[in-house]
Amino acid sequence: MNTLTQMMSQRGERMKQETKMEKEEIKAWTQPIENAANPSTQKRTFILDPSGSWYYCWLNVMVIPVTYNWVIIICRSCFTEMQNQYLAVWLSLDYLCDILYILDIIANFHTGFLKEGILVTDRKMIGKRYMFSSKFRWDLLSMLPTDFLYFKLGIHTPAVRINRFLRFHRLFEAFDRTETRIPYPNAFRICKLVAYMFVVIHWNSCVYFALSNFIGFGKDEWVHPNTSDPDFGRLGRQYLYSFYFSTLILTTVGDIPKPVQEEEWLFMVVDFLIAVLGFATILGSMSSVTSNIKSADEAFYPNYDQVKLYMKTYKVNKSVKKKVIAWHQHLQINKKLTKENEILQNLPEKLRVEVAVSVHLSTLSKVQIFQNCEKSLLEELVLKLKPQVYSPGEYVCKKGDIGREMYIIKEGKLAVVADDGVTQFAVLGEGNYFGEISIINIRGNTAGNRRTANIKSIGYSDLFCLSKEDLKEVLTEYPDAKAILEQKGREILLKMNKLDEKLADELAAKEKELEVKVRRLEKNLDFLQTKLARLLAELESSAVKMNRRIKQIEWEINLWEEQETVEPEDAM
């Protein structure tokens, strides 16, 4: 019994400790929220946000020492003259890189992480997470003091620092972040591929020079020429020749001397395998970049190949073909986008609104009828704008056409022309708009929803189109804004002498009559529904009572039959 009690007490203490640890972890995790809510409680600790600019800048700094170690250590190990001549410079740069490596470990102890979407800034949790990660083990191995091997192997053996290569993950992380930040990721991928090729050829050239030194310079045509030759006595010429020879091998172009020694054959076989793998990698990377560029073009611009196939199939005349070709070339050359709404659909709604507002809100606010409207209304309207590009001489609208949308001029010039299409009455430029009255139903508008002018594009014109249906859909949630827009529309029509106030009053009176009738019908309908509900309730109550009465009669009949059966038996 005592043993059982002791086990229960131990279990209870352990559960208390676990609960305490969970509370501490939750407190540390939620500390950023509490600090944000109460700035006076914030601790002065510098924590890097892994998605912030400071962390990205530090990654770019770490590219320098990692690249230095990967490029220079192998070069100094194989080209001994380079190591001997500039020993002081290399030692200074080596230990400067070591300082950056140490600072990088410190930075990792100050880099927060996300937990359920919230940045954790507790130093203990950050340190614990980093120390138990594989990244810490790689960083620790890269900082092992292998330089003490200099005392045994000599100061001219930089290969003892080969463990510095293990910090390569910082290089890849910096490249990945750069791809997501720069506006031309495909160009960066090509540059990164060229850099990888350079490093591979660089390493191969260093190994080739070391192998030539092992076999003997100038022993045969395949190895590096004798360094005693005046042409190849300089360090720069030695490296350039090795780099050139390695490039010939890895690209399998040019005449290469036939290997003689077994080591030379083995080196050539390994290089050919690397060349095949590298060639396949380059082809795959270039095809990936090409497909990315093509998919990006398809996302931004119409698929012109399908249009060409369509025109070829149905034998469209040459004049129309030229117009289509010129229009498509204008989009490509001047980077005009006609599928903005489809592109922004990949973003969450809030971000989509922010992007569209930052790009187009200033243009929409220039429209007179939308001035002084609620900002939330304009934000919703911005998402409804559809970009359109018109070619020179193309009509945007003609007199008498039914107006289903309004237009805002983003760039270009349009002319208000006569019926002959030549005489110009006015020229509209950037920031002007037209067709706004036709998309608002204003009582007394004598023009109705018909266009009152011919609008023709002089050159290439970029317009924003807002349809009547989209505006109506947005205004259903903003009745006050709808009233303001209608009032502004009436003021504009009054200036244009296209508002019949009597007709507007008559229509308003008819609408009021209709509203009164609708309300009366709704009231009568409510009365009938109430009456029907009462009748249904009475009917249900009568049915229940009838059911009870039937059951009672059935019981009385059964009881009477039983009595009739018992009386004859008693008589016998």
Protein backbone atom coordinates (compact mmCIF):
# COMPACT_ATOMS: atom_id res chain seq x y z
CA MET A 1 0.00 0.00 0.00
CA ASN A 2 2.87 2.36 0.86
CA THR A 3 4.57 1.54 -2.45
CA LEU A 4 1.37 2.35 -4.36
CA THR A 5 1.00 5.63 -2.50
CA GLN A 6 4.61 6.54 -3.22
CA MET A 7 4.18 5.77 -6.96
CA MET A 8 1.04 7.90 -7.10
CA SER A 9 2.80 10.82 -5.40
CA GLN A 10 5.76 10.57 -7.78
CA ARG A 11 3.41 10.50 -10.74
CA GLY A 12 1.60 13.57 -9.42
CA GLU A 13 4.87 15.50 -8.97
CA ARG A 14 5.95 14.56 -12.50
CA MET A 15 2.66 15.78 -13.94
CA LYS A 16 3.05 19.07 -12.03
CA GLN A 17 6.54 19.53 -13.45
CA GLU A 18 5.32 18.80 -17.00
CA THR A 19 2.44 21.25 -16.56
CA LYS A 20 4.87 23.88 -15.27
CA MET A 21 7.18 23.36 -18.26
CA GLU A 22 4.25 23.64 -20.68
CA LYS A 23 3.14 26.88 -19.03
CA GLU A 24 6.66 28.30 -19.28
CA GLU A 25 6.84 27.30 -22.94
CA ILE A 26 3.46 28.88 -23.67
CA LYS A 27 4.51 32.02 -21.83
CA ALA A 28 7.75 32.26 -23.80
CA TRP A 29 5.92 31.59 -27.04
CA THR A 30 3.26 34.23 -26.40
CA GLN A 31 5.76 36.79 -25.09
CA PRO A 32 5.90 38.67 -28.45
CA ILE A 33 2.13 39.19 -28.33
CA GLU A 34 2.24 40.50 -24.76
CA ASN A 35 5.16 42.79 -25.61
CA ALA A 36 3.32 44.12 -28.63
CA ALA A 37 0.24 44.80 -26.51
CA ASN A 38 2.32 46.45 -23.76
CA PRO A 39 5.44 48.19 -25.18
CA SER A 40 6.68 49.11 -21.70
CA THR A 41 7.36 45.42 -20.95
CA GLN A 42 9.50 44.85 -24.06
CA LYS A 43 13.02 43.59 -23.42
CA ARG A 44 15.90 45.13 -25.27
CA THR A 45 17.03 41.97 -27.03
CA PHE A 46 17.95 41.94 -30.69
CA ILE A 47 16.22 39.04 -32.46
CA LEU A 48 16.53 38.50 -36.20
CA ASP A 49 13.37 37.79 -38.14
CA PRO A 50 14.19 34.95 -40.61
CA SER A 51 11.99 36.64 -43.22
CA GLY A 52 13.32 40.14 -42.56
CA SER A 53 15.83 42.31 -44.39
CA TRP A 54 18.53 42.19 -41.69
CA TYR A 55 18.65 38.40 -41.83
CA TYR A 56 18.81 38.50 -45.62
CA CYS A 57 21.68 41.01 -45.50
CA TRP A 58 23.57 38.75 -43.12
CA LEU A 59 23.09 35.79 -45.46
CA ASN A 60 24.62 37.82 -48.27
CA VAL A 61 27.58 38.64 -46.02
CA MET A 62 28.07 34.93 -45.30
CA VAL A 63 28.25 34.21 -49.04
CA ILE A 64 31.70 35.85 -49.08
CA PRO A 65 33.57 33.60 -46.56
CA VAL A 66 31.86 30.42 -47.80
CA THR A 67 32.76 31.18 -51.42
CA TYR A 68 36.28 32.17 -50.39
CA ASN A 69 36.89 28.83 -48.66
CA TRP A 70 35.41 26.79 -51.51
CA VAL A 71 37.48 28.57 -54.17
CA ILE A 72 40.75 29.53 -52.47
CA ILE A 73 41.63 26.57 -50.22
CA ILE A 74 41.78 24.06 -53.09
CA CYS A 75 43.72 26.55 -55.21
CA ARG A 76 46.33 27.17 -52.47
CA SER A 77 46.65 23.43 -51.83
CA CYS A 78 47.42 22.60 -55.48
CA PHE A 79 49.29 25.74 -56.56
CA THR A 80 51.96 25.80 -53.84
CA GLU A 81 53.62 28.90 -55.28
CA MET A 82 50.41 30.83 -54.67
CA GLN A 83 50.41 29.69 -51.03
CA ASN A 84 54.07 30.56 -50.48
CA GLN A 85 54.08 34.00 -52.08
CA TYR A 86 51.01 35.41 -50.31
CA LEU A 87 51.04 33.51 -47.00
CA ALA A 88 50.38 36.55 -44.81
CA VAL A 89 47.41 37.61 -46.96
CA TRP A 90 45.87 34.13 -46.89
CA LEU A 91 46.28 33.72 -43.11
CA SER A 92 44.64 37.12 -42.54
CA LEU A 93 41.73 36.26 -44.81
CA ASP A 94 41.41 32.78 -43.27
CA TYR A 95 40.96 34.07 -39.76
CA LEU A 96 38.73 36.91 -40.90
CA CYS A 97 36.45 34.25 -42.40
CA ASP A 98 36.66 32.32 -39.11
CA ILE A 99 35.47 35.43 -37.27
CA LEU A 100 32.51 35.67 -39.65
CA TYR A 101 31.79 31.97 -39.06
CA ILE A 102 31.72 32.59 -35.29
CA LEU A 103 29.48 35.63 -35.74
CA ASP A 104 27.21 33.48 -37.87
CA ILE A 105 26.78 31.00 -35.01
CA ILE A 106 25.97 33.93 -32.70
CA ALA A 107 23.47 35.21 -35.27
CA ASN A 108 21.78 31.79 -35.31
CA PHE A 109 21.34 32.03 -31.53
CA HIS A 110 19.57 35.37 -32.15
CA THR A 111 17.39 34.25 -35.07
CA GLY A 112 13.77 33.68 -34.16
CA PHE A 113 11.48 31.07 -35.65
CA LEU A 114 7.78 30.77 -36.32
CA LYS A 115 5.56 28.68 -34.13
CA GLU A 116 1.94 28.52 -35.26
CA GLY A 117 2.53 31.68 -37.29
CA ILE A 118 4.01 33.74 -34.42
CA LEU A 119 7.68 34.77 -34.22
CA VAL A 120 9.29 33.26 -31.12
CA THR A 121 11.75 35.71 -29.54
CA ASP A 122 12.66 33.84 -26.35
CA ARG A 123 16.43 33.35 -26.31
CA LYS A 124 16.26 30.03 -24.44
CA MET A 125 13.82 28.47 -26.87
CA ILE A 126 15.79 29.76 -29.87
CA GLY A 127 19.07 28.42 -28.51
CA LYS A 128 17.53 25.06 -27.61
CA ARG A 129 16.01 24.67 -31.06
CA TYR A 130 19.25 25.62 -32.82
CA MET A 131 21.48 23.36 -30.70
CA PHE A 132 19.28 20.33 -31.39
CA SER A 133 19.18 20.98 -35.14
CA SER A 134 21.43 19.45 -37.81
CA LYS A 135 22.49 22.97 -38.82
CA PHE A 136 24.27 23.42 -35.48
CA ARG A 137 26.18 20.15 -35.91
CA TRP A 138 27.38 21.23 -39.36
CA ASP A 139 28.34 24.68 -38.04
CA LEU A 140 30.21 23.15 -35.11
CA LEU A 141 32.15 20.77 -37.36
CA SER A 142 33.07 23.66 -39.67
CA MET A 143 34.64 25.51 -36.72
CA LEU A 144 36.77 22.69 -35.32
CA PRO A 145 40.30 24.08 -34.69
CA THR A 146 42.00 21.97 -37.34
CA ASP A 147 44.56 24.76 -37.75
CA PHE A 148 46.57 23.14 -34.92
CA LEU A 149 47.60 20.57 -37.52
CA TYR A 150 49.86 23.29 -38.91
CA PHE A 151 52.29 22.47 -36.08
CA LYS A 152 52.59 18.90 -37.37
CA LEU A 153 52.13 19.26 -41.14
CA GLY A 154 53.57 22.73 -41.64
CA ILE A 155 52.13 26.17 -42.27
CA HIS A 156 51.97 25.56 -46.04
CA THR A 157 49.21 22.91 -45.87
CA PRO A 158 45.94 24.85 -46.17
CA ALA A 159 44.09 21.58 -46.74
CA VAL A 160 43.80 21.25 -42.94
CA ARG A 161 41.00 23.86 -43.17
CA ILE A 162 38.88 21.69 -45.45
CA ASN A 163 36.22 21.41 -42.74
CA ARG A 164 35.32 25.07 -43.50
CA PHE A 165 33.47 23.71 -46.54
CA LEU A 166 30.73 22.39 -44.25
CA ARG A 167 29.10 25.84 -43.98
CA PHE A 168 27.82 25.45 -47.57
CA HIS A 169 24.15 25.45 -46.44
CA ARG A 170 24.39 29.20 -45.84
CA LEU A 171 25.31 29.70 -49.49
CA PHE A 172 22.29 27.73 -50.73
CA GLU A 173 19.99 29.52 -48.27
CA ALA A 174 21.19 32.90 -49.53
CA PHE A 175 20.60 31.85 -53.13
CA ASP A 176 17.08 30.63 -52.36
CA ARG A 177 16.20 33.89 -50.60
CA THR A 178 17.61 35.93 -53.47
CA GLU A 179 15.47 34.06 -56.01
CA THR A 180 12.32 35.06 -54.14
CA ARG A 181 13.34 38.69 -53.68
CA ILE A 182 14.80 39.87 -56.99
CA PRO A 183 12.49 40.80 -59.90
CA TYR A 184 14.38 38.58 -62.40
CA PRO A 185 14.68 35.11 -60.84
CA ASN A 186 15.29 33.34 -64.16
CA ALA A 187 18.32 35.51 -64.93
CA PHE A 188 19.63 34.81 -61.43
CA ARG A 189 19.21 31.05 -61.95
CA ILE A 190 21.30 31.26 -65.12
CA CYS A 191 24.00 33.25 -63.30
CA LYS A 192 23.96 30.74 -60.46
CA LEU A 193 24.36 27.87 -62.94
CA VAL A 194 27.35 29.63 -64.56
CA ALA A 195 28.90 30.12 -61.10
CA TYR A 196 28.50 26.42 -60.31
CA MET A 197 30.15 25.56 -63.63
CA PHE A 198 33.04 27.89 -62.84
CA VAL A 199 33.59 26.26 -59.42
CA VAL A 200 33.54 22.76 -60.93
CA ILE A 201 36.05 23.73 -63.65
CA HIS A 202 38.15 25.57 -61.06
CA TRP A 203 38.36 22.50 -58.83
CA ASN A 204 39.10 20.29 -61.83
CA SER A 205 41.89 22.59 -63.00
CA CYS A 206 43.48 22.58 -59.53
CA VAL A 207 43.33 18.76 -59.35
CA TYR A 208 44.76 18.57 -62.89
CA PHE A 209 47.71 20.76 -61.91
CA ALA A 210 48.35 18.70 -58.76
CA LEU A 211 48.16 15.46 -60.77
CA SER A 212 50.60 16.88 -63.32
CA ASN A 213 52.95 17.78 -60.47
CA PHE A 214 52.65 14.22 -59.12
CA ILE A 215 53.36 12.63 -62.52
CA GLY A 216 55.93 15.20 -63.51
CA PHE A 217 55.53 18.44 -65.45
CA GLY A 218 56.19 17.99 -69.15
CA LYS A 219 56.60 14.21 -68.87
CA ASP A 220 54.14 13.71 -71.74
CA GLU A 221 51.78 15.81 -73.83
CA TRP A 222 48.79 15.27 -71.53
CA VAL A 223 50.24 16.72 -68.33
CA HIS A 224 50.94 20.39 -67.69
CA PRO A 225 54.02 21.71 -69.52
CA ASN A 226 57.23 22.03 -67.56
CA THR A 227 57.14 25.01 -65.20
CA SER A 228 60.80 25.71 -65.97
CA ASP A 229 59.67 26.84 -69.42
CA PRO A 230 59.63 30.69 -69.48
CA ASP A 231 56.11 30.66 -70.97
CA PHE A 232 54.73 28.59 -68.08
CA GLY A 233 56.89 29.81 -65.25
CA ARG A 234 54.40 32.46 -64.17
CA LEU A 235 51.61 31.51 -61.75
CA GLY A 236 48.92 33.19 -63.81
CA ARG A 237 49.87 31.28 -66.96
CA GLN A 238 49.90 27.98 -65.03
CA TYR A 239 46.39 28.54 -63.72
CA LEU A 240 45.01 29.73 -67.06
CA TYR A 241 46.42 26.72 -68.89
CA SER A 242 44.99 24.32 -66.29
CA PHE A 243 41.63 26.08 -66.44
CA TYR A 244 41.65 25.97 -70.25
CA PHE A 245 42.58 22.28 -70.34
CA SER A 246 39.88 21.41 -67.78
CA THR A 247 37.31 23.35 -69.79
CA LEU A 248 38.18 21.32 -72.90
CA ILE A 249 37.76 18.06 -71.00
CA LEU A 250 34.51 18.93 -69.23
CA THR A 251 32.88 20.42 -72.31
CA THR A 252 34.24 17.62 -74.57
CA VAL A 253 35.20 20.11 -77.26
CA GLY A 254 38.58 20.58 -78.95
CA ASP A 255 41.48 18.20 -79.40
CA ILE A 256 42.77 16.74 -76.14
CA PRO A 257 46.13 14.89 -76.00
CA LYS A 258 45.72 11.17 -75.45
CA PRO A 259 46.38 10.03 -71.86
CA VAL A 260 49.46 7.88 -71.25
CA GLN A 261 49.66 7.09 -67.55
CA GLU A 262 47.03 5.12 -65.64
CA GLU A 263 46.37 8.14 -63.44
CA GLU A 264 45.69 10.19 -66.56
CA TRP A 265 43.21 7.61 -67.88
CA LEU A 266 41.40 7.52 -64.54
CA PHE A 267 41.26 11.33 -64.42
CA MET A 268 39.82 11.47 -67.92
CA VAL A 269 37.15 8.84 -67.16
CA VAL A 270 36.02 10.68 -64.04
CA ASP A 271 35.97 14.00 -65.92
CA PHE A 272 33.90 12.54 -68.76
CA LEU A 273 31.35 11.23 -66.24
CA ILE A 274 31.23 14.65 -64.59
CA ALA A 275 30.85 16.24 -68.03
CA VAL A 276 27.90 14.00 -68.93
CA LEU A 277 26.23 14.73 -65.61
CA GLY A 278 26.95 18.46 -65.93
CA PHE A 279 25.67 18.58 -69.50
CA ALA A 280 22.42 16.91 -68.44
CA THR A 281 22.11 19.32 -65.50
CA ILE A 282 22.69 22.34 -67.72
CA LEU A 283 20.13 21.17 -70.26
CA GLY A 284 17.60 20.48 -67.52
CA SER A 285 18.20 23.85 -65.88
CA MET A 286 17.97 25.77 -69.15
CA SER A 287 14.79 23.95 -70.17
CA SER A 288 13.34 24.70 -66.74
CA VAL A 289 14.21 28.39 -67.08
CA THR A 290 12.75 28.47 -70.60
CA SER A 291 9.52 26.81 -69.48
CA ASN A 292 9.28 29.22 -66.54
CA ILE A 293 9.69 32.20 -68.85
CA LYS A 294 7.10 30.79 -71.26
CA SER A 295 4.61 30.05 -68.48
CA ALA A 296 5.15 33.56 -67.10
CA ASP A 297 4.47 35.05 -70.54
CA GLU A 298 1.32 32.96 -70.87
CA ALA A 299 0.18 34.19 -67.46
CA PHE A 300 0.78 37.82 -68.40
CA TYR A 301 -0.11 37.91 -72.07
CA PRO A 302 -2.64 36.15 -74.35
CA ASN A 303 -1.50 32.92 -76.00
CA TYR A 304 -0.59 34.28 -79.42
CA ASP A 305 0.24 30.85 -80.88
CA GLN A 306 -3.38 29.77 -80.59
CA VAL A 307 -4.52 33.03 -82.19
CA LYS A 308 -2.15 32.49 -85.14
CA LEU A 309 -3.38 28.92 -85.57
CA TYR A 310 -6.99 30.12 -85.49
CA MET A 311 -6.35 32.82 -88.13
CA LYS A 312 -4.48 30.34 -90.31
CA THR A 313 -7.23 27.72 -90.02
CA TYR A 314 -10.03 30.12 -90.98
CA LYS A 315 -7.89 32.09 -93.48
CA VAL A 316 -8.34 35.53 -91.94
CA ASN A 317 -7.48 38.33 -94.39
CA LYS A 318 -4.04 39.99 -94.21
CA SER A 319 -5.20 43.39 -92.98
CA VAL A 320 -6.78 41.86 -89.87
CA LYS A 321 -3.71 39.67 -89.35
CA LYS A 322 -1.48 42.74 -89.39
CA LYS A 323 -3.66 44.45 -86.78
CA VAL A 324 -3.50 41.39 -84.51
CA ILE A 325 0.28 41.09 -84.93
CA ALA A 326 0.81 44.79 -84.23
CA TRP A 327 -1.43 44.63 -81.15
CA HIS A 328 0.40 41.60 -79.73
CA GLN A 329 3.81 43.14 -80.42
CA HIS A 330 2.73 46.28 -78.61
CA LEU A 331 1.82 44.21 -75.55
CA GLN A 332 5.11 42.32 -75.56
CA ILE A 333 7.44 45.26 -76.28
CA ASN A 334 5.84 47.70 -73.85
CA LYS A 335 5.01 45.08 -71.18
CA LYS A 336 1.29 45.76 -71.19
CA LEU A 337 -0.73 43.39 -69.03
CA THR A 338 -4.28 42.40 -69.90
CA LYS A 339 -4.76 39.56 -67.39
CA GLU A 340 -4.09 41.32 -64.09
CA ASN A 341 -7.14 39.91 -62.33
CA GLU A 342 -6.18 36.33 -63.18
CA ILE A 343 -2.63 36.87 -61.96
CA LEU A 344 -3.73 38.41 -58.64
CA GLN A 345 -6.09 35.51 -57.97
CA ASN A 346 -3.07 33.54 -56.73
CA LEU A 347 -2.81 35.91 -53.75
CA PRO A 348 -5.01 35.94 -50.63
CA GLU A 349 -7.89 38.40 -50.79
CA LYS A 350 -6.34 40.98 -48.45
CA LEU A 351 -3.02 40.99 -50.27
CA ARG A 352 -4.82 41.12 -53.62
CA VAL A 353 -6.66 44.24 -52.47
CA GLU A 354 -3.45 45.87 -51.21
CA VAL A 355 -1.59 45.21 -54.46
CA ALA A 356 -4.47 46.46 -56.63
CA VAL A 357 -4.95 49.53 -54.44
CA SER A 358 -1.27 50.47 -54.60
CA VAL A 359 -1.34 50.21 -58.40
CA HIS A 360 -4.74 51.58 -59.45
CA LEU A 361 -6.40 53.48 -56.59
CA SER A 362 -4.88 56.81 -57.65
CA THR A 363 -6.34 56.35 -61.15
CA LEU A 364 -9.82 55.47 -59.86
CA SER A 365 -9.87 58.42 -57.42
CA LYS A 366 -9.50 60.82 -60.38
CA VAL A 367 -13.01 59.95 -61.58
CA GLN A 368 -15.32 62.75 -60.52
CA ILE A 369 -18.28 60.61 -59.45
CA PHE A 370 -16.06 58.46 -57.22
CA GLN A 371 -14.45 61.36 -55.38
CA ASN A 372 -15.28 61.61 -51.65
CA CYS A 373 -16.59 58.03 -51.64
CA GLU A 374 -15.70 55.58 -48.90
CA LYS A 375 -12.22 54.12 -49.20
CA SER A 376 -13.54 50.58 -48.74
CA LEU A 377 -15.85 51.12 -51.74
CA LEU A 378 -12.95 52.25 -53.91
CA GLU A 379 -10.88 49.26 -52.76
CA GLU A 380 -13.60 46.88 -53.91
CA LEU A 381 -14.01 48.72 -57.19
CA VAL A 382 -10.26 48.51 -57.84
CA LEU A 383 -10.52 44.72 -58.00
CA LYS A 384 -13.25 45.07 -60.63
CA LEU A 385 -11.15 47.18 -63.03
CA LYS A 386 -10.25 45.32 -66.22
CA PRO A 387 -7.33 46.61 -68.32
CA GLN A 388 -7.86 46.89 -72.06
CA VAL A 389 -5.52 47.97 -74.86
CA TYR A 390 -6.84 49.61 -78.05
CA SER A 391 -4.91 49.92 -81.31
CA PRO A 392 -4.58 53.11 -83.41
CA GLY A 393 -7.82 53.99 -85.22
CA GLU A 394 -9.90 51.52 -83.18
CA TYR A 395 -13.27 52.70 -81.84
CA VAL A 396 -13.80 52.31 -78.10
CA CYS A 397 -17.49 53.13 -78.47
CA LYS A 398 -19.83 54.59 -81.08
CA LYS A 399 -22.81 56.90 -80.85
CA GLY A 400 -26.02 54.98 -80.17
CA ASP A 401 -24.30 51.90 -78.70
CA ILE A 402 -25.72 50.54 -75.47
CA GLY A 403 -23.45 51.55 -72.59
CA ARG A 404 -22.61 48.66 -70.31
CA GLU A 405 -19.31 49.97 -68.95
CA MET A 406 -17.33 53.10 -68.23
CA TYR A 407 -13.68 53.74 -69.19
CA ILE A 408 -10.77 55.41 -67.42
CA ILE A 409 -7.76 56.42 -69.52
CA LYS A 410 -4.54 55.15 -67.97
CA GLU A 411 -2.22 56.01 -70.89
CA GLY A 412 -2.63 57.24 -74.43
CA LYS A 413 -4.93 59.69 -76.25
CA LEU A 414 -8.48 59.26 -77.53
CA ALA A 415 -10.47 61.58 -79.76
CA VAL A 416 -14.16 62.46 -79.72
CA VAL A 417 -14.92 62.34 -83.44
CA ALA A 418 -17.84 63.03 -85.73
CA ASP A 419 -19.72 60.36 -87.62
CA ASP A 420 -17.22 60.61 -90.48
CA GLY A 421 -14.47 59.39 -88.13
CA VAL A 422 -12.13 62.25 -89.12
CA THR A 423 -13.42 65.48 -87.57
CA GLN A 424 -12.22 65.77 -83.96
CA PHE A 425 -14.27 67.64 -81.37
CA ALA A 426 -12.02 66.99 -78.38
CA VAL A 427 -9.00 64.94 -77.29
CA LEU A 428 -9.02 62.95 -74.06
CA GLY A 429 -5.74 62.14 -72.31
CA GLU A 430 -4.38 60.39 -69.26
CA GLY A 431 -6.69 60.61 -66.25
CA ASN A 432 -9.84 61.41 -68.27
CA TYR A 433 -12.87 59.15 -68.19
CA PHE A 434 -16.11 58.67 -70.11
CA GLY A 435 -19.23 56.52 -70.06
CA GLU A 436 -19.71 56.90 -66.30
CA ILE A 437 -23.34 58.06 -66.59
CA SER A 438 -24.40 55.02 -68.59
CA ILE A 439 -23.55 52.59 -65.77
CA ILE A 440 -25.59 54.44 -63.11
CA ASN A 441 -29.38 54.20 -63.35
CA ILE A 442 -30.45 57.83 -62.90
CA ARG A 443 -34.11 58.74 -63.14
CA GLY A 444 -34.87 61.32 -65.83
CA ASN A 445 -31.80 60.62 -67.95
CA THR A 446 -32.97 61.57 -71.45
CA ALA A 447 -30.00 59.84 -73.07
CA GLY A 448 -30.89 56.54 -71.43
CA ASN A 449 -28.02 54.08 -71.51
CA ARG A 450 -27.03 54.93 -75.08
CA ARG A 451 -23.65 56.35 -76.03
CA THR A 452 -23.79 59.98 -77.08
CA ALA A 453 -20.39 60.27 -78.84
CA ASN A 454 -17.87 58.40 -80.95
CA ILE A 455 -14.61 57.72 -79.08
CA LYS A 456 -11.66 56.67 -81.19
CA SER A 457 -8.12 55.74 -80.14
CA ILE A 458 -5.47 57.96 -81.78
CA GLY A 459 -2.51 55.72 -80.93
CA TYR A 460 -2.18 52.75 -78.61
CA SER A 461 -4.34 53.46 -75.57
CA ASP A 462 -4.46 51.72 -72.19
CA LEU A 463 -7.88 51.92 -70.55
CA PHE A 464 -9.52 50.56 -67.44
CA CYS A 465 -13.01 49.19 -67.92
CA LEU A 466 -15.62 49.04 -65.14
CA SER A 467 -18.81 47.19 -66.02
CA LYS A 468 -22.31 48.11 -64.90
CA GLU A 469 -22.85 44.71 -63.27
CA ASP A 470 -19.67 44.99 -61.19
CA LEU A 471 -20.60 48.46 -59.96
CA LYS A 472 -24.13 47.32 -59.12
CA GLU A 473 -22.78 44.32 -57.21
CA VAL A 474 -20.52 46.52 -55.10
CA LEU A 475 -23.14 49.25 -54.48
CA THR A 476 -25.64 46.77 -53.02
CA GLU A 477 -23.48 46.74 -49.88
CA TYR A 478 -23.00 50.52 -49.83
CA PRO A 479 -26.45 52.19 -50.04
CA ASP A 480 -25.11 55.56 -48.84
CA ALA A 481 -22.44 55.55 -51.53
CA LYS A 482 -25.07 54.60 -54.09
CA ALA A 483 -27.13 57.67 -53.15
CA ILE A 484 -24.04 59.90 -53.37
CA LEU A 485 -23.14 58.56 -56.81
CA GLU A 486 -26.68 59.06 -58.08
CA GLN A 487 -26.68 62.63 -56.78
CA LYS A 488 -23.35 63.39 -58.51
CA GLY A 489 -24.67 61.81 -61.69
CA ARG A 490 -27.74 64.04 -61.60
CA GLU A 491 -25.53 67.11 -61.18
CA ILE A 492 -23.47 66.12 -64.21
CA LEU A 493 -26.63 65.51 -66.29
CA LEU A 494 -27.99 68.91 -65.28
CA LYS A 495 -24.85 70.58 -66.58
CA MET A 496 -25.22 68.62 -69.82
CA ASN A 497 -28.96 69.48 -70.06
CA LYS A 498 -29.80 65.80 -70.28
CA LEU A 499 -31.87 65.47 -67.12
CA ASP A 500 -35.69 65.71 -67.30
CA GLU A 501 -36.65 66.64 -63.74
CA LYS A 502 -40.39 66.17 -64.39
CA LEU A 503 -39.75 62.68 -65.69
CA ALA A 504 -37.49 62.05 -62.70
CA ASP A 505 -40.23 63.20 -60.31
CA GLU A 506 -42.81 61.03 -62.08
CA LEU A 507 -40.53 58.02 -61.91
CA ALA A 508 -39.79 58.75 -58.24
CA ALA A 509 -43.54 58.98 -57.53
CA LYS A 510 -44.14 55.70 -59.34
CA GLU A 511 -41.35 54.08 -57.36
CA LYS A 512 -42.92 55.32 -54.12
CA GLU A 513 -46.31 53.97 -55.21
CA LEU A 514 -44.70 50.65 -56.01
CA GLU A 515 -42.95 50.66 -52.63
CA VAL A 516 -46.28 51.36 -50.91
CA LYS A 517 -47.97 48.56 -52.83
CA VAL A 518 -45.14 46.20 -52.08
CA ARG A 519 -45.29 47.03 -48.38
CA ARG A 520 -49.09 46.57 -48.42
CA LEU A 521 -48.70 43.23 -50.14
CA GLU A 522 -46.01 42.21 -47.67
CA LYS A 523 -48.29 43.24 -44.78
CA ASN A 524 -51.22 41.28 -46.24
CA LEU A 525 -48.93 38.34 -46.86
CA ASP A 526 -47.78 38.42 -43.24
CA PHE A 527 -51.43 38.56 -42.08
CA LEU A 528 -52.36 35.61 -44.29
CA GLN A 529 -49.34 33.64 -43.10
CA THR A 530 -50.33 34.30 -39.48
CA LYS A 531 -53.91 33.27 -40.15
CA LEU A 532 -52.78 30.16 -41.97
CA ALA A 533 -50.51 29.27 -39.06
CA ARG A 534 -53.45 29.60 -36.65
CA LEU A 535 -55.68 27.44 -38.84
CA LEU A 536 -52.96 24.79 -39.03
CA ALA A 537 -52.57 24.89 -35.26
CA GLU A 538 -56.35 24.52 -34.76
CA LEU A 539 -56.45 21.70 -37.29
CA GLU A 540 -53.63 19.92 -35.50
CA SER A 541 -55.37 20.41 -32.14
CA SER A 542 -58.66 19.05 -33.56
CA ALA A 543 -56.84 16.04 -34.99
CA VAL A 544 -55.30 15.29 -31.59
CA LYS A 545 -58.66 15.58 -29.85
CA MET A 546 -60.29 13.39 -32.49
CA ASN A 547 -57.59 10.77 -32.07
CA ARG A 548 -58.11 10.73 -28.29
CA ARG A 549 -61.91 10.42 -28.71
CA ILE A 550 -61.50 7.49 -31.13
CA LYS A 551 -59.17 5.70 -28.71
CA GLN A 552 -61.65 6.22 -25.86
CA ILE A 553 -64.55 4.83 -27.95
CA GLU A 554 -62.45 1.82 -28.94
CA TRP A 555 -61.68 1.17 -25.29
CA GLU A 556 -65.35 1.37 -24.31
CA ILE A 557 -66.30 -1.01 -27.14
CA ASN A 558 -63.66 -3.53 -26.03
CA LEU A 559 -64.84 -3.28 -22.43
CA TRP A 560 -68.49 -3.85 -23.46
CA GLU A 561 -67.56 -6.91 -25.54
CA GLU A 562 -65.68 -8.41 -22.58
CA GLN A 563 -68.75 -7.94 -20.33
CA GLU A 564 -71.01 -9.60 -22.91
CA THR A 565 -68.68 -12.57 -23.04
CA VAL A 566 -68.56 -12.99 -19.24
CA GLU A 567 -72.39 -12.91 -18.67
CA PRO A 568 -73.20 -16.08 -20.76
CA GLU A 569 -70.50 -18.00 -18.92
CA ASP A 570 -71.99 -17.08 -15.51
CA ALA A 571 -75.47 -18.20 -16.68
CA MET A 572 -74.16 -21.65 -17.55
